[in-house]
Amino acid sequence: MKRLFISTLLILTVLSSSCSSDKTTEINGIKLKGDIDVHSAEFIDLPQDNGFVRPGELLEIRAKVTYVDSEGTSATETKDSVETNITQGQHLVSSLDSSLRISPDALSGETITVKTSLPEEDFQIFAVLTVRKNPADYIDPQGIITDFEAIDSLVNKERSLPSDYVPSDLVKLSVPTVLPNPEINQLRKVASDALSELFKAASAEGYSLSARSGYRSYSTQSSLYSSNVANKGIEYAQKYSAQPGHSEHQTGLAIDITASSANNQLTDSFGETPEGMWAAKNAHLFGFIIRYPKGKDSVTGYSYEPWHLRYVGKELAEKIFESGLTMEEWFEN
């Protein structure tokens, strides 16, 4: 069964809640005297601190509320009936009375904001949830991923695409390119559109970028890998070239970019050019990440590639960028 990882931030807003009475209020066997106020409240069943939830599993919306009286005595009770409103990410959940179900189609990085109002008190609790896949739930026994069409699919040396997978929505790039090969001058439409916006923004700030290699078929990657082994040796090939089926380029979501300042080549020095530094700083704003960062060889399995951008969507790209982690680390953290 697929599994979604949920990172939760709880924010309590006490609007106002005080009960003024000369009578004693008894809560769970504890007597509170005089005025009582809400001291704190928290969700009981919503996952907290990188908790997990499975598709089809209900998230019960209950709250634990602590009251305090004028003498400092406190008492806690559970509210089992809680009204729920989704203020962000409505399409990602379904509400059932006092519970929520996360959609199995939710993508990593997408955000859901839940607002709950306790029926007997004048305050609300907000929860901000971030979807995160468990990649282990999207791979078959042969090491072939099953979510190969998802923009947040994880492809690496241990996780392969089907050999016959060809994206159905490949389009010709609308940005400057370096090589004439029509196959590699394609991306999936969502990634191509985002790349056009990225190049447009770079140009507006005085940076001229070019696309060198986008989509590669399984057979093209097989030829490229074999050529690298034959001409540069197995050690080089394993650092810089993916075996067929293990290349992100086959997803149609990866693009190698360059600039005239790097002689339109794919070299480490691109990362030190004005264009490369701009891309590293801004790519996430358009849904791309630097897939193979410097110093992360042992995690990604590949040497530093400042030219290799992977489209994952704006939400996930922003979260990976802000975390400073690789794609692998973000899913595992």
C-alpha atoms as a PDB file:
ATOM      1  CA  MET A   1       0.000   0.000   0.000  1.00  0.00           C
ATOM      2  CA  LYS A   2       1.204   3.513  -0.786  1.00  0.00           C
ATOM      3  CA  ARG A   3       2.128   5.670   2.128  1.00  0.00           C
ATOM      4  CA  LEU A   4       2.198   9.388   2.583  1.00  0.00           C
ATOM      5  CA  PHE A   5       4.493  11.131   5.007  1.00  0.00           C
ATOM      6  CA  ILE A   6       2.959  14.090   6.805  1.00  0.00           C
ATOM      7  CA  SER A   7       4.936  16.860   8.448  1.00  0.00           C
ATOM      8  CA  THR A   8       2.720  18.797  10.870  1.00  0.00           C
ATOM      9  CA  LEU A   9       2.901  22.290  12.312  1.00  0.00           C
ATOM     10  CA  LEU A  10       0.329  23.118  14.986  1.00  0.00           C
ATOM     11  CA  ILE A  11      -0.662  26.683  15.657  1.00  0.00           C
ATOM     12  CA  LEU A  12      -3.100  27.445  18.456  1.00  0.00           C
ATOM     13  CA  THR A  13      -5.046  30.657  18.359  1.00  0.00           C
ATOM     14  CA  VAL A  14      -7.013  31.379  21.488  1.00  0.00           C
ATOM     15  CA  LEU A  15      -9.594  33.918  20.439  1.00  0.00           C
ATOM     16  CA  SER A  16     -11.204  34.203  23.822  1.00  0.00           C
ATOM     17  CA  SER A  17     -12.562  31.705  26.264  1.00  0.00           C
ATOM     18  CA  SER A  18     -13.496  32.429  29.817  1.00  0.00           C
ATOM     19  CA  CYS A  19     -16.380  31.296  31.878  1.00  0.00           C
ATOM     20  CA  SER A  20     -17.380  33.478  34.746  1.00  0.00           C
ATOM     21  CA  SER A  21     -19.410  31.682  37.377  1.00  0.00           C
ATOM     22  CA  ASP A  22     -19.590  31.362  41.130  1.00  0.00           C
ATOM     23  CA  LYS A  23     -20.241  27.686  40.726  1.00  0.00           C
ATOM     24  CA  THR A  24     -17.575  25.031  40.797  1.00  0.00           C
ATOM     25  CA  THR A  25     -16.826  23.423  37.438  1.00  0.00           C
ATOM     26  CA  GLU A  26     -15.891  19.770  37.522  1.00  0.00           C
ATOM     27  CA  ILE A  27     -13.799  18.347  34.654  1.00  0.00           C
ATOM     28  CA  ASN A  28     -12.759  14.702  34.780  1.00  0.00           C
ATOM     29  CA  GLY A  29     -13.128  14.635  38.540  1.00  0.00           C
ATOM     30  CA  ILE A  30     -11.183  17.839  39.149  1.00  0.00           C
ATOM     31  CA  LYS A  31     -13.051  20.808  40.576  1.00  0.00           C
ATOM     32  CA  LEU A  32     -12.204  24.229  39.214  1.00  0.00           C
ATOM     33  CA  LYS A  33     -13.351  27.327  41.104  1.00  0.00           C
ATOM     34  CA  GLY A  34     -14.523  30.676  39.834  1.00  0.00           C
ATOM     35  CA  ASP A  35     -13.448  31.855  36.389  1.00  0.00           C
ATOM     36  CA  ILE A  36     -11.842  29.247  34.171  1.00  0.00           C
ATOM     37  CA  ASP A  37      -9.831  29.859  31.014  1.00  0.00           C
ATOM     38  CA  VAL A  38      -8.417  27.723  28.264  1.00  0.00           C
ATOM     39  CA  HIS A  39      -4.746  27.242  29.073  1.00  0.00           C
ATOM     40  CA  SER A  40      -3.762  25.107  26.070  1.00  0.00           C
ATOM     41  CA  ALA A  41      -5.133  22.815  23.392  1.00  0.00           C
ATOM     42  CA  GLU A  42      -3.641  20.309  20.992  1.00  0.00           C
ATOM     43  CA  PHE A  43      -4.688  17.731  18.459  1.00  0.00           C
ATOM     44  CA  ILE A  44      -4.631  14.168  19.709  1.00  0.00           C
ATOM     45  CA  ASP A  45      -4.687  12.087  16.542  1.00  0.00           C
ATOM     46  CA  LEU A  46      -3.281  14.364  13.837  1.00  0.00           C
ATOM     47  CA  PRO A  47       0.314  13.296  13.124  1.00  0.00           C
ATOM     48  CA  GLN A  48       2.974  15.504  14.636  1.00  0.00           C
ATOM     49  CA  ASP A  49       6.702  15.937  13.997  1.00  0.00           C
ATOM     50  CA  ASN A  50       6.944  14.036  10.712  1.00  0.00           C
ATOM     51  CA  GLY A  51       4.167  11.597  11.517  1.00  0.00           C
ATOM     52  CA  PHE A  52       2.830   9.217   8.912  1.00  0.00           C
ATOM     53  CA  VAL A  53      -0.540   8.419   7.400  1.00  0.00           C
ATOM     54  CA  ARG A  54      -1.593   5.873   4.785  1.00  0.00           C
ATOM     55  CA  PRO A  55      -3.946   6.501   1.885  1.00  0.00           C
ATOM     56  CA  GLY A  56      -7.416   5.337   2.897  1.00  0.00           C
ATOM     57  CA  GLU A  57      -6.581   5.744   6.570  1.00  0.00           C
ATOM     58  CA  LEU A  58      -8.730   8.245   8.417  1.00  0.00           C
ATOM     59  CA  LEU A  59      -7.247  11.018  10.493  1.00  0.00           C
ATOM     60  CA  GLU A  60      -9.502  11.492  13.501  1.00  0.00           C
ATOM     61  CA  ILE A  61      -9.886  15.136  14.481  1.00  0.00           C
ATOM     62  CA  ARG A  62      -9.986  15.299  18.264  1.00  0.00           C
ATOM     63  CA  ALA A  63      -8.555  17.853  20.651  1.00  0.00           C
ATOM     64  CA  LYS A  64      -7.194  17.772  24.186  1.00  0.00           C
ATOM     65  CA  VAL A  65      -8.097  20.978  26.013  1.00  0.00           C
ATOM     66  CA  THR A  66      -6.620  22.098  29.327  1.00  0.00           C
ATOM     67  CA  TYR A  67      -8.488  24.600  31.515  1.00  0.00           C
ATOM     68  CA  VAL A  68      -7.187  26.559  34.502  1.00  0.00           C
ATOM     69  CA  ASP A  69      -9.041  28.406  37.225  1.00  0.00           C
ATOM     70  CA  SER A  70      -8.166  31.559  39.148  1.00  0.00           C
ATOM     71  CA  GLU A  71      -6.276  29.534  41.751  1.00  0.00           C
ATOM     72  CA  GLY A  72      -4.070  27.854  39.163  1.00  0.00           C
ATOM     73  CA  THR A  73      -5.746  24.473  39.304  1.00  0.00           C
ATOM     74  CA  SER A  74      -5.919  22.810  35.897  1.00  0.00           C
ATOM     75  CA  ALA A  75      -7.978  20.046  34.351  1.00  0.00           C
ATOM     76  CA  THR A  76      -7.916  18.435  30.905  1.00  0.00           C
ATOM     77  CA  GLU A  77     -10.648  16.922  28.796  1.00  0.00           C
ATOM     78  CA  THR A  78     -10.918  15.440  25.312  1.00  0.00           C
ATOM     79  CA  LYS A  79     -13.210  16.957  22.707  1.00  0.00           C
ATOM     80  CA  ASP A  80     -14.386  14.205  20.383  1.00  0.00           C
ATOM     81  CA  SER A  81     -16.699  16.361  18.285  1.00  0.00           C
ATOM     82  CA  VAL A  82     -14.759  18.978  16.330  1.00  0.00           C
ATOM     83  CA  GLU A  83     -15.860  20.990  13.320  1.00  0.00           C
ATOM     84  CA  THR A  84     -13.278  20.940  10.523  1.00  0.00           C
ATOM     85  CA  ASN A  85     -12.612  23.354   7.673  1.00  0.00           C
ATOM     86  CA  ILE A  86      -9.898  22.942   5.045  1.00  0.00           C
ATOM     87  CA  THR A  87      -8.577  26.393   4.195  1.00  0.00           C
ATOM     88  CA  GLN A  88      -5.784  25.218   1.877  1.00  0.00           C
ATOM     89  CA  GLY A  89      -5.483  22.060  -0.209  1.00  0.00           C
ATOM     90  CA  GLN A  90      -9.183  21.232  -0.286  1.00  0.00           C
ATOM     91  CA  HIS A  91      -8.645  18.946  -3.292  1.00  0.00           C
ATOM     92  CA  LEU A  92      -6.184  16.836  -1.309  1.00  0.00           C
ATOM     93  CA  VAL A  93      -8.566  15.619   1.374  1.00  0.00           C
ATOM     94  CA  SER A  94     -12.114  14.523   1.991  1.00  0.00           C
ATOM     95  CA  SER A  95     -13.885  15.394   5.238  1.00  0.00           C
ATOM     96  CA  LEU A  96     -16.084  12.925   7.055  1.00  0.00           C
ATOM     97  CA  ASP A  97     -17.656  14.303  10.225  1.00  0.00           C
ATOM     98  CA  SER A  98     -14.730  14.653  12.644  1.00  0.00           C
ATOM     99  CA  SER A  99     -12.150  12.967  10.425  1.00  0.00           C
ATOM    100  CA  LEU A 100     -10.103  13.543   7.289  1.00  0.00           C
ATOM    101  CA  ARG A 101      -8.898  11.265   4.524  1.00  0.00           C
ATOM    102  CA  ILE A 102      -5.771  12.235   2.569  1.00  0.00           C
ATOM    103  CA  SER A 103      -6.038  11.701  -1.170  1.00  0.00           C
ATOM    104  CA  PRO A 104      -3.814   8.915  -2.571  1.00  0.00           C
ATOM    105  CA  ASP A 105      -3.012  11.278  -5.447  1.00  0.00           C
ATOM    106  CA  ALA A 106      -1.527  14.013  -3.256  1.00  0.00           C
ATOM    107  CA  LEU A 107       2.001  14.951  -4.323  1.00  0.00           C
ATOM    108  CA  SER A 108       4.981  15.375  -2.068  1.00  0.00           C
ATOM    109  CA  GLY A 109       5.419  18.957  -0.936  1.00  0.00           C
ATOM    110  CA  GLU A 110       1.754  19.882  -1.251  1.00  0.00           C
ATOM    111  CA  THR A 111       0.251  21.615   1.761  1.00  0.00           C
ATOM    112  CA  ILE A 112      -3.036  21.141   3.577  1.00  0.00           C
ATOM    113  CA  THR A 113      -4.230  23.633   6.176  1.00  0.00           C
ATOM    114  CA  VAL A 114      -6.878  22.432   8.615  1.00  0.00           C
ATOM    115  CA  LYS A 115      -8.901  24.751  10.859  1.00  0.00           C
ATOM    116  CA  THR A 116     -10.959  23.254  13.643  1.00  0.00           C
ATOM    117  CA  SER A 117     -13.459  24.953  15.939  1.00  0.00           C
ATOM    118  CA  LEU A 118     -14.364  23.356  19.237  1.00  0.00           C
ATOM    119  CA  PRO A 119     -18.139  23.456  19.630  1.00  0.00           C
ATOM    120  CA  GLU A 120     -18.325  24.596  23.253  1.00  0.00           C
ATOM    121  CA  GLU A 121     -15.411  27.009  23.361  1.00  0.00           C
ATOM    122  CA  ASP A 122     -14.567  30.173  21.480  1.00  0.00           C
ATOM    123  CA  PHE A 123     -11.205  29.190  20.044  1.00  0.00           C
ATOM    124  CA  GLN A 124      -9.702  27.452  17.015  1.00  0.00           C
ATOM    125  CA  ILE A 125      -6.742  25.231  16.243  1.00  0.00           C
ATOM    126  CA  PHE A 126      -4.881  25.314  12.946  1.00  0.00           C
ATOM    127  CA  ALA A 127      -2.771  22.484  11.515  1.00  0.00           C
ATOM    128  CA  VAL A 128      -0.516  22.800   8.480  1.00  0.00           C
ATOM    129  CA  LEU A 129       0.234  19.428   6.897  1.00  0.00           C
ATOM    130  CA  THR A 130       2.864  18.686   4.270  1.00  0.00           C
ATOM    131  CA  VAL A 131       2.521  15.602   2.108  1.00  0.00           C
ATOM    132  CA  ARG A 132       5.557  13.382   1.723  1.00  0.00           C
ATOM    133  CA  LYS A 133       5.740  10.034  -0.022  1.00  0.00           C
ATOM    134  CA  ASN A 134       7.526   6.955   1.191  1.00  0.00           C
ATOM    135  CA  PRO A 135       9.423   5.926  -1.958  1.00  0.00           C
ATOM    136  CA  ALA A 136       9.675   2.357  -0.667  1.00  0.00           C
ATOM    137  CA  ASP A 137       5.953   2.004  -1.336  1.00  0.00           C
ATOM    138  CA  TYR A 138       6.413   2.834  -5.026  1.00  0.00           C
ATOM    139  CA  ILE A 139       8.808   0.138  -6.200  1.00  0.00           C
ATOM    140  CA  ASP A 140       8.313  -3.473  -7.254  1.00  0.00           C
ATOM    141  CA  PRO A 141      10.486  -6.460  -6.252  1.00  0.00           C
ATOM    142  CA  GLN A 142      12.624  -5.988  -9.381  1.00  0.00           C
ATOM    143  CA  GLY A 143      13.535  -2.431  -8.349  1.00  0.00           C
ATOM    144  CA  ILE A 144      11.289  -0.802 -10.958  1.00  0.00           C
ATOM    145  CA  ILE A 145       9.315   2.190  -9.715  1.00  0.00           C
ATOM    146  CA  THR A 146       5.543   2.187 -10.049  1.00  0.00           C
ATOM    147  CA  ASP A 147       4.957   5.960  -9.866  1.00  0.00           C
ATOM    148  CA  PHE A 148       7.042   6.757 -12.950  1.00  0.00           C
ATOM    149  CA  GLU A 149       4.478   9.268 -14.258  1.00  0.00           C
ATOM    150  CA  ALA A 150       4.398  11.311 -11.036  1.00  0.00           C
ATOM    151  CA  ILE A 151       6.480  14.481 -10.967  1.00  0.00           C
ATOM    152  CA  ASP A 152       7.745  13.555  -7.492  1.00  0.00           C
ATOM    153  CA  SER A 153       8.936  10.068  -8.461  1.00  0.00           C
ATOM    154  CA  LEU A 154      12.392   9.154  -7.178  1.00  0.00           C
ATOM    155  CA  VAL A 155      14.783   7.695  -9.769  1.00  0.00           C
ATOM    156  CA  ASN A 156      18.352   6.764  -8.865  1.00  0.00           C
ATOM    157  CA  LYS A 157      20.857   3.902  -9.007  1.00  0.00           C
ATOM    158  CA  GLU A 158      18.603   1.678  -6.919  1.00  0.00           C
ATOM    159  CA  ARG A 159      15.307   2.723  -8.497  1.00  0.00           C
ATOM    160  CA  SER A 160      14.699   2.112 -12.204  1.00  0.00           C
ATOM    161  CA  LEU A 161      12.117   3.214 -14.739  1.00  0.00           C
ATOM    162  CA  PRO A 162      10.432   0.592 -16.923  1.00  0.00           C
ATOM    163  CA  SER A 163      12.553   0.018 -20.036  1.00  0.00           C
ATOM    164  CA  ASP A 164       9.554   0.759 -22.273  1.00  0.00           C
ATOM    165  CA  TYR A 165       8.472   3.925 -20.487  1.00  0.00           C
ATOM    166  CA  VAL A 166       8.084   6.921 -22.790  1.00  0.00           C
ATOM    167  CA  PRO A 167       6.233   9.975 -21.426  1.00  0.00           C
ATOM    168  CA  SER A 168       3.041  10.593 -23.370  1.00  0.00           C
ATOM    169  CA  ASP A 169       3.192  14.378 -23.093  1.00  0.00           C
ATOM    170  CA  LEU A 170       6.643  15.197 -24.464  1.00  0.00           C
ATOM    171  CA  VAL A 171       6.848  18.551 -26.247  1.00  0.00           C
ATOM    172  CA  LYS A 172       9.559  20.407 -28.122  1.00  0.00           C
ATOM    173  CA  LEU A 173      11.457  22.887 -25.969  1.00  0.00           C
ATOM    174  CA  SER A 174      10.727  26.572 -26.499  1.00  0.00           C
ATOM    175  CA  VAL A 175      14.102  27.765 -25.203  1.00  0.00           C
ATOM    176  CA  PRO A 176      17.554  28.089 -26.825  1.00  0.00           C
ATOM    177  CA  THR A 177      19.213  24.691 -27.326  1.00  0.00           C
ATOM    178  CA  VAL A 178      22.772  23.586 -28.035  1.00  0.00           C
ATOM    179  CA  LEU A 179      22.507  20.303 -29.919  1.00  0.00           C
ATOM    180  CA  PRO A 180      20.383  19.516 -33.009  1.00  0.00           C
ATOM    181  CA  ASN A 181      19.163  16.090 -31.847  1.00  0.00           C
ATOM    182  CA  PRO A 182      15.341  16.463 -31.698  1.00  0.00           C
ATOM    183  CA  GLU A 183      14.916  13.730 -29.073  1.00  0.00           C
ATOM    184  CA  ILE A 184      16.925  15.489 -26.394  1.00  0.00           C
ATOM    185  CA  ASN A 185      15.285  18.831 -27.110  1.00  0.00           C
ATOM    186  CA  GLN A 186      12.067  17.667 -25.487  1.00  0.00           C
ATOM    187  CA  LEU A 187      10.562  17.607 -22.001  1.00  0.00           C
ATOM    188  CA  ARG A 188       7.205  16.735 -20.552  1.00  0.00           C
ATOM    189  CA  LYS A 189       4.898  19.709 -21.055  1.00  0.00           C
ATOM    190  CA  VAL A 190       4.707  20.723 -17.405  1.00  0.00           C
ATOM    191  CA  ALA A 191       8.513  20.767 -17.154  1.00  0.00           C
ATOM    192  CA  SER A 192       8.936  22.486 -20.538  1.00  0.00           C
ATOM    193  CA  ASP A 193       6.552  25.268 -19.549  1.00  0.00           C
ATOM    194  CA  ALA A 194       8.381  25.741 -16.253  1.00  0.00           C
ATOM    195  CA  LEU A 195      11.752  25.802 -18.021  1.00  0.00           C
ATOM    196  CA  SER A 196      10.516  28.522 -20.369  1.00  0.00           C
ATOM    197  CA  GLU A 197       9.535  30.626 -17.364  1.00  0.00           C
ATOM    198  CA  LEU A 198      12.909  30.002 -15.724  1.00  0.00           C
ATOM    199  CA  PHE A 199      14.815  31.031 -18.864  1.00  0.00           C
ATOM    200  CA  LYS A 200      12.599  34.094 -19.263  1.00  0.00           C
ATOM    201  CA  ALA A 201      13.291  35.190 -15.687  1.00  0.00           C
ATOM    202  CA  ALA A 202      17.021  34.618 -16.122  1.00  0.00           C
ATOM    203  CA  SER A 203      17.039  36.662 -19.312  1.00  0.00           C
ATOM    204  CA  ALA A 204      15.182  39.506 -17.604  1.00  0.00           C
ATOM    205  CA  GLU A 205      18.038  39.681 -15.097  1.00  0.00           C
ATOM    206  CA  GLY A 206      20.722  39.571 -17.798  1.00  0.00           C
ATOM    207  CA  TYR A 207      21.572  35.857 -17.770  1.00  0.00           C
ATOM    208  CA  SER A 208      21.510  33.826 -20.984  1.00  0.00           C
ATOM    209  CA  LEU A 209      20.982  30.083 -20.584  1.00  0.00           C
ATOM    210  CA  SER A 210      20.792  27.225 -23.069  1.00  0.00           C
ATOM    211  CA  ALA A 211      19.355  23.722 -22.829  1.00  0.00           C
ATOM    212  CA  ARG A 212      21.797  20.984 -23.783  1.00  0.00           C
ATOM    213  CA  SER A 213      20.009  17.708 -23.035  1.00  0.00           C
ATOM    214  CA  GLY A 214      16.462  16.955 -21.937  1.00  0.00           C
ATOM    215  CA  TYR A 215      14.542  13.741 -22.545  1.00  0.00           C
ATOM    216  CA  ARG A 216      16.531  10.629 -23.412  1.00  0.00           C
ATOM    217  CA  SER A 217      14.966   7.309 -24.294  1.00  0.00           C
ATOM    218  CA  TYR A 218      16.067   4.046 -22.684  1.00  0.00           C
ATOM    219  CA  SER A 219      17.982   3.107 -25.845  1.00  0.00           C
ATOM    220  CA  THR A 220      19.691   6.498 -26.081  1.00  0.00           C
ATOM    221  CA  GLN A 221      20.806   6.249 -22.461  1.00  0.00           C
ATOM    222  CA  SER A 222      22.067   2.713 -23.077  1.00  0.00           C
ATOM    223  CA  SER A 223      24.233   3.923 -25.963  1.00  0.00           C
ATOM    224  CA  LEU A 224      25.491   6.911 -23.964  1.00  0.00           C
ATOM    225  CA  TYR A 225      26.424   4.798 -20.944  1.00  0.00           C
ATOM    226  CA  SER A 226      28.211   2.210 -23.090  1.00  0.00           C
ATOM    227  CA  SER A 227      30.110   4.976 -24.869  1.00  0.00           C
ATOM    228  CA  ASN A 228      31.227   6.510 -21.582  1.00  0.00           C
ATOM    229  CA  VAL A 229      32.430   3.138 -20.322  1.00  0.00           C
ATOM    230  CA  ALA A 230      34.340   2.480 -23.548  1.00  0.00           C
ATOM    231  CA  ASN A 231      35.905   5.920 -23.859  1.00  0.00           C
ATOM    232  CA  LYS A 232      36.331   7.109 -20.272  1.00  0.00           C
ATOM    233  CA  GLY A 233      36.226   3.966 -18.164  1.00  0.00           C
ATOM    234  CA  ILE A 234      33.742   2.398 -15.799  1.00  0.00           C
ATOM    235  CA  GLU A 235      34.706   4.625 -12.860  1.00  0.00           C
ATOM    236  CA  TYR A 236      33.895   7.793 -14.792  1.00  0.00           C
ATOM    237  CA  ALA A 237      30.691   6.321 -16.179  1.00  0.00           C
ATOM    238  CA  GLN A 238      29.439   5.369 -12.730  1.00  0.00           C
ATOM    239  CA  LYS A 239      30.038   8.894 -11.423  1.00  0.00           C
ATOM    240  CA  TYR A 240      28.573  10.881 -14.286  1.00  0.00           C
ATOM    241  CA  SER A 241      26.375   8.596 -16.370  1.00  0.00           C
ATOM    242  CA  ALA A 242      23.335   6.578 -15.346  1.00  0.00           C
ATOM    243  CA  GLN A 243      22.784   3.055 -16.533  1.00  0.00           C
ATOM    244  CA  PRO A 244      19.772   2.663 -18.854  1.00  0.00           C
ATOM    245  CA  GLY A 245      16.528   2.827 -16.913  1.00  0.00           C
ATOM    246  CA  HIS A 246      18.161   4.697 -14.044  1.00  0.00           C
ATOM    247  CA  SER A 247      18.454   8.070 -15.762  1.00  0.00           C
ATOM    248  CA  GLU A 248      16.178  10.923 -14.739  1.00  0.00           C
ATOM    249  CA  HIS A 249      16.316  12.085 -18.335  1.00  0.00           C
ATOM    250  CA  GLN A 250      14.021   9.206 -19.293  1.00  0.00           C
ATOM    251  CA  THR A 251      11.311  10.724 -17.067  1.00  0.00           C
ATOM    252  CA  GLY A 252      11.152  13.788 -19.315  1.00  0.00           C
ATOM    253  CA  LEU A 253      11.508  15.901 -16.161  1.00  0.00           C
ATOM    254  CA  ALA A 254      15.287  16.448 -16.164  1.00  0.00           C
ATOM    255  CA  ILE A 255      17.237  18.976 -18.203  1.00  0.00           C
ATOM    256  CA  ASP A 256      20.940  19.781 -18.486  1.00  0.00           C
ATOM    257  CA  ILE A 257      21.503  23.509 -18.895  1.00  0.00           C
ATOM    258  CA  THR A 258      24.593  25.503 -19.744  1.00  0.00           C
ATOM    259  CA  ALA A 259      25.754  28.933 -20.919  1.00  0.00           C
ATOM    260  CA  SER A 260      28.286  30.525 -23.231  1.00  0.00           C
ATOM    261  CA  SER A 261      30.376  31.375 -20.151  1.00  0.00           C
ATOM    262  CA  ALA A 262      30.890  27.606 -19.807  1.00  0.00           C
ATOM    263  CA  ASN A 263      31.436  27.210 -23.549  1.00  0.00           C
ATOM    264  CA  ASN A 264      27.998  25.577 -23.661  1.00  0.00           C
ATOM    265  CA  GLN A 265      29.528  22.481 -22.064  1.00  0.00           C
ATOM    266  CA  LEU A 266      28.533  20.456 -19.012  1.00  0.00           C
ATOM    267  CA  THR A 267      31.347  21.093 -16.555  1.00  0.00           C
ATOM    268  CA  ASP A 268      31.704  21.705 -12.840  1.00  0.00           C
ATOM    269  CA  SER A 269      32.801  25.238 -13.658  1.00  0.00           C
ATOM    270  CA  PHE A 270      29.246  26.063 -14.750  1.00  0.00           C
ATOM    271  CA  GLY A 271      28.360  26.237 -11.064  1.00  0.00           C
ATOM    272  CA  GLU A 272      30.812  29.126 -10.646  1.00  0.00           C
ATOM    273  CA  THR A 273      29.531  31.139 -13.613  1.00  0.00           C
ATOM    274  CA  PRO A 274      27.007  33.944 -13.062  1.00  0.00           C
ATOM    275  CA  GLU A 275      24.407  31.873 -14.914  1.00  0.00           C
ATOM    276  CA  GLY A 276      25.077  28.763 -12.866  1.00  0.00           C
ATOM    277  CA  MET A 277      24.911  30.646  -9.585  1.00  0.00           C
ATOM    278  CA  TRP A 278      21.666  32.302 -10.626  1.00  0.00           C
ATOM    279  CA  ALA A 279      20.155  28.917 -11.498  1.00  0.00           C
ATOM    280  CA  ALA A 280      21.223  27.397  -8.184  1.00  0.00           C
ATOM    281  CA  LYS A 281      19.617  30.292  -6.313  1.00  0.00           C
ATOM    282  CA  ASN A 282      16.400  30.558  -8.307  1.00  0.00           C
ATOM    283  CA  ALA A 283      15.559  27.219  -9.950  1.00  0.00           C
ATOM    284  CA  HIS A 284      13.265  26.172  -7.103  1.00  0.00           C
ATOM    285  CA  LEU A 285      11.015  29.150  -7.765  1.00  0.00           C
ATOM    286  CA  PHE A 286      10.059  27.451 -11.013  1.00  0.00           C
ATOM    287  CA  GLY A 287       9.792  23.902  -9.661  1.00  0.00           C
ATOM    288  CA  PHE A 288      13.359  22.686 -10.327  1.00  0.00           C
ATOM    289  CA  ILE A 289      16.094  21.475  -7.999  1.00  0.00           C
ATOM    290  CA  ILE A 290      19.827  20.967  -8.482  1.00  0.00           C
ATOM    291  CA  ARG A 291      19.535  17.206  -8.357  1.00  0.00           C
ATOM    292  CA  TYR A 292      23.179  16.355  -7.678  1.00  0.00           C
ATOM    293  CA  PRO A 293      24.612  18.976  -5.287  1.00  0.00           C
ATOM    294  CA  LYS A 294      28.250  19.361  -4.357  1.00  0.00           C
ATOM    295  CA  GLY A 295      29.461  17.060  -1.595  1.00  0.00           C
ATOM    296  CA  LYS A 296      26.505  14.689  -1.820  1.00  0.00           C
ATOM    297  CA  ASP A 297      28.095  11.991  -3.990  1.00  0.00           C
ATOM    298  CA  SER A 298      27.660   9.313  -1.330  1.00  0.00           C
ATOM    299  CA  VAL A 299      23.928  10.086  -1.126  1.00  0.00           C
ATOM    300  CA  THR A 300      22.953  10.571  -4.772  1.00  0.00           C
ATOM    301  CA  GLY A 301      25.504   8.186  -6.247  1.00  0.00           C
ATOM    302  CA  TYR A 302      26.720  10.820  -8.715  1.00  0.00           C
ATOM    303  CA  SER A 303      29.345  13.536  -8.699  1.00  0.00           C
ATOM    304  CA  TYR A 304      28.417  17.198  -8.510  1.00  0.00           C
ATOM    305  CA  GLU A 305      26.393  18.300 -11.540  1.00  0.00           C
ATOM    306  CA  PRO A 306      25.459  21.990 -11.301  1.00  0.00           C
ATOM    307  CA  TRP A 307      23.917  21.759 -14.771  1.00  0.00           C
ATOM    308  CA  HIS A 308      21.395  18.991 -14.026  1.00  0.00           C
ATOM    309  CA  LEU A 309      17.959  20.333 -13.093  1.00  0.00           C
ATOM    310  CA  ARG A 310      15.069  18.088 -12.115  1.00  0.00           C
ATOM    311  CA  TYR A 311      11.479  19.279 -12.196  1.00  0.00           C
ATOM    312  CA  VAL A 312       9.523  18.231  -9.096  1.00  0.00           C
ATOM    313  CA  GLY A 313       6.905  21.008  -8.870  1.00  0.00           C
ATOM    314  CA  LYS A 314       7.125  24.318  -7.036  1.00  0.00           C
ATOM    315  CA  GLU A 315       5.915  23.034  -3.655  1.00  0.00           C
ATOM    316  CA  LEU A 316       8.421  20.201  -3.368  1.00  0.00           C
ATOM    317  CA  ALA A 317      11.252  22.174  -4.979  1.00  0.00           C
ATOM    318  CA  GLU A 318      10.833  24.949  -2.420  1.00  0.00           C
ATOM    319  CA  LYS A 319      10.886  22.532   0.486  1.00  0.00           C
ATOM    320  CA  ILE A 320      13.941  20.642  -0.772  1.00  0.00           C
ATOM    321  CA  PHE A 321      15.759  23.916  -1.470  1.00  0.00           C
ATOM    322  CA  GLU A 322      14.985  25.345   1.966  1.00  0.00           C
ATOM    323  CA  SER A 323      16.012  22.103   3.689  1.00  0.00           C
ATOM    324  CA  GLY A 324      19.424  21.994   2.022  1.00  0.00           C
ATOM    325  CA  LEU A 325      18.905  18.262   1.484  1.00  0.00           C
ATOM    326  CA  THR A 326      19.051  16.074  -1.578  1.00  0.00           C
ATOM    327  CA  MET A 327      15.868  14.523  -2.915  1.00  0.00           C
ATOM    328  CA  GLU A 328      16.811  11.218  -1.257  1.00  0.00           C
ATOM    329  CA  GLU A 329      17.487  12.872   2.095  1.00  0.00           C
ATOM    330  CA  TRP A 330      14.272  14.872   2.049  1.00  0.00           C
ATOM    331  CA  PHE A 331      12.186  11.737   1.606  1.00  0.00           C
ATOM    332  CA  GLU A 332      14.112   9.885   4.309  1.00  0.00           C
ATOM    333  CA  ASN A 333      14.534  12.708   6.844  1.00  0.00           C
END
